[in-house]
Amino acid sequence: MASPDQIRPDGIEVPLERRLPSGTDFHAEVMRRHDAAVRGRRPTYRDPVSGYTVFTARFLADRGYCCRSGCRHCPFETS
């Protein structure tokens, strides 16, 4: 696991596979919503399956630390 203050090289663009498996039917829609939120400088987006509010990787990176809550787009964790 990376240091809590060290962002993975792909941490803003790519969620951990175990948090958002690429083979799921909803992966593309989740990433579309995530990327739109990042481009729009919004800290969150609405998950298309659960309806939950999800933090973007950019918001989490700007916060500057990993909270260890298992965030889908955590840019700090490596495994």
C-alpha atoms as a PDB file:
ATOM      1  CA  MET A   1       0.000   0.000   0.000  1.00  0.00           C
ATOM      2  CA  ALA A   2       1.290   3.454  -0.867  1.00  0.00           C
ATOM      3  CA  SER A   3       2.040   6.073   1.705  1.00  0.00           C
ATOM      4  CA  PRO A   4      -1.187   7.863   2.683  1.00  0.00           C
ATOM      5  CA  ASP A   5       0.126  11.014   1.035  1.00  0.00           C
ATOM      6  CA  GLN A   6       1.489   9.438  -2.168  1.00  0.00           C
ATOM      7  CA  ILE A   7      -0.830   9.386  -5.181  1.00  0.00           C
ATOM      8  CA  ARG A   8      -0.569   6.422  -7.554  1.00  0.00           C
ATOM      9  CA  PRO A   9       0.725   7.381 -11.023  1.00  0.00           C
ATOM     10  CA  ASP A  10      -2.676   6.445 -12.512  1.00  0.00           C
ATOM     11  CA  GLY A  11      -4.644   7.344  -9.383  1.00  0.00           C
ATOM     12  CA  ILE A  12      -6.736  10.149 -10.854  1.00  0.00           C
ATOM     13  CA  GLU A  13      -7.723   8.291 -14.033  1.00  0.00           C
ATOM     14  CA  VAL A  14      -8.015   4.627 -13.000  1.00  0.00           C
ATOM     15  CA  PRO A  15      -9.894   3.227  -9.988  1.00  0.00           C
ATOM     16  CA  LEU A  16      -8.599   0.081  -8.331  1.00  0.00           C
ATOM     17  CA  GLU A  17      -9.918  -2.988 -10.159  1.00  0.00           C
ATOM     18  CA  ARG A  18     -11.312  -4.503  -6.954  1.00  0.00           C
ATOM     19  CA  ARG A  19     -13.316  -1.339  -6.273  1.00  0.00           C
ATOM     20  CA  LEU A  20     -14.704  -0.977  -9.808  1.00  0.00           C
ATOM     21  CA  PRO A  21     -14.198  -4.140 -11.878  1.00  0.00           C
ATOM     22  CA  SER A  22     -13.690  -3.289 -15.547  1.00  0.00           C
ATOM     23  CA  GLY A  23     -15.826  -6.214 -16.714  1.00  0.00           C
ATOM     24  CA  THR A  24     -19.056  -4.957 -15.180  1.00  0.00           C
ATOM     25  CA  ASP A  25     -21.955  -3.703 -17.286  1.00  0.00           C
ATOM     26  CA  PHE A  26     -21.913  -0.341 -15.526  1.00  0.00           C
ATOM     27  CA  HIS A  27     -18.145   0.379 -15.591  1.00  0.00           C
ATOM     28  CA  ALA A  28     -18.282   2.664 -18.636  1.00  0.00           C
ATOM     29  CA  GLU A  29     -21.196   4.684 -17.251  1.00  0.00           C
ATOM     30  CA  VAL A  30     -19.512   5.080 -13.857  1.00  0.00           C
ATOM     31  CA  MET A  31     -16.320   6.305 -15.516  1.00  0.00           C
ATOM     32  CA  ARG A  32     -18.271   8.664 -17.783  1.00  0.00           C
ATOM     33  CA  ARG A  33     -19.946  10.221 -14.742  1.00  0.00           C
ATOM     34  CA  HIS A  34     -16.677  10.346 -12.799  1.00  0.00           C
ATOM     35  CA  ASP A  35     -14.797  12.007 -15.657  1.00  0.00           C
ATOM     36  CA  ALA A  36     -17.602  14.526 -16.235  1.00  0.00           C
ATOM     37  CA  ALA A  37     -17.557  15.449 -12.546  1.00  0.00           C
ATOM     38  CA  VAL A  38     -13.768  15.886 -12.588  1.00  0.00           C
ATOM     39  CA  ARG A  39     -13.952  18.061 -15.727  1.00  0.00           C
ATOM     40  CA  GLY A  40     -16.755  20.074 -14.138  1.00  0.00           C
ATOM     41  CA  ARG A  41     -14.732  20.506 -10.931  1.00  0.00           C
ATOM     42  CA  ARG A  42     -17.443  18.788  -8.901  1.00  0.00           C
ATOM     43  CA  PRO A  43     -16.323  16.748  -5.871  1.00  0.00           C
ATOM     44  CA  THR A  44     -18.895  13.979  -6.375  1.00  0.00           C
ATOM     45  CA  TYR A  45     -21.128  12.195  -8.865  1.00  0.00           C
ATOM     46  CA  ARG A  46     -24.206   9.981  -8.479  1.00  0.00           C
ATOM     47  CA  ASP A  47     -23.589   6.241  -8.836  1.00  0.00           C
ATOM     48  CA  PRO A  48     -25.821   4.951 -11.675  1.00  0.00           C
ATOM     49  CA  VAL A  49     -26.570   1.644  -9.923  1.00  0.00           C
ATOM     50  CA  SER A  50     -26.956   2.435  -6.224  1.00  0.00           C
ATOM     51  CA  GLY A  51     -27.798   6.126  -6.419  1.00  0.00           C
ATOM     52  CA  TYR A  52     -25.153   6.837  -3.773  1.00  0.00           C
ATOM     53  CA  THR A  53     -22.982   9.927  -3.926  1.00  0.00           C
ATOM     54  CA  VAL A  54     -19.361   9.007  -4.758  1.00  0.00           C
ATOM     55  CA  PHE A  55     -16.252  11.170  -4.295  1.00  0.00           C
ATOM     56  CA  THR A  56     -14.079  11.754  -7.363  1.00  0.00           C
ATOM     57  CA  ALA A  57     -10.392  10.865  -7.407  1.00  0.00           C
ATOM     58  CA  ARG A  58      -9.549  14.553  -7.882  1.00  0.00           C
ATOM     59  CA  PHE A  59     -11.451  15.515  -4.718  1.00  0.00           C
ATOM     60  CA  LEU A  60      -9.773  12.728  -2.749  1.00  0.00           C
ATOM     61  CA  ALA A  61      -6.317  13.676  -4.071  1.00  0.00           C
ATOM     62  CA  ASP A  62      -6.855  17.341  -3.247  1.00  0.00           C
ATOM     63  CA  ARG A  63      -7.871  16.333   0.274  1.00  0.00           C
ATOM     64  CA  GLY A  64      -4.346  14.977   0.591  1.00  0.00           C
ATOM     65  CA  TYR A  65      -4.700  11.724   2.505  1.00  0.00           C
ATOM     66  CA  CYS A  66      -6.307   8.296   2.413  1.00  0.00           C
ATOM     67  CA  CYS A  67      -9.111   7.935   4.965  1.00  0.00           C
ATOM     68  CA  ARG A  68      -9.040   4.112   4.702  1.00  0.00           C
ATOM     69  CA  SER A  69     -12.795   3.948   4.072  1.00  0.00           C
ATOM     70  CA  GLY A  70     -12.501   1.990   0.827  1.00  0.00           C
ATOM     71  CA  CYS A  71     -13.420   4.846  -1.513  1.00  0.00           C
ATOM     72  CA  ARG A  72     -14.005   3.656  -5.084  1.00  0.00           C
ATOM     73  CA  HIS A  73     -11.695   6.257  -6.612  1.00  0.00           C
ATOM     74  CA  CYS A  74      -9.044   6.433  -3.865  1.00  0.00           C
ATOM     75  CA  PRO A  75      -5.919   7.689  -5.659  1.00  0.00           C
ATOM     76  CA  PHE A  76      -3.621   6.676  -2.802  1.00  0.00           C
ATOM     77  CA  GLU A  77      -4.150   2.940  -2.290  1.00  0.00           C
ATOM     78  CA  THR A  78      -2.342   0.489  -4.542  1.00  0.00           C
ATOM     79  CA  SER A  79      -3.960  -2.793  -3.565  1.00  0.00           C
END
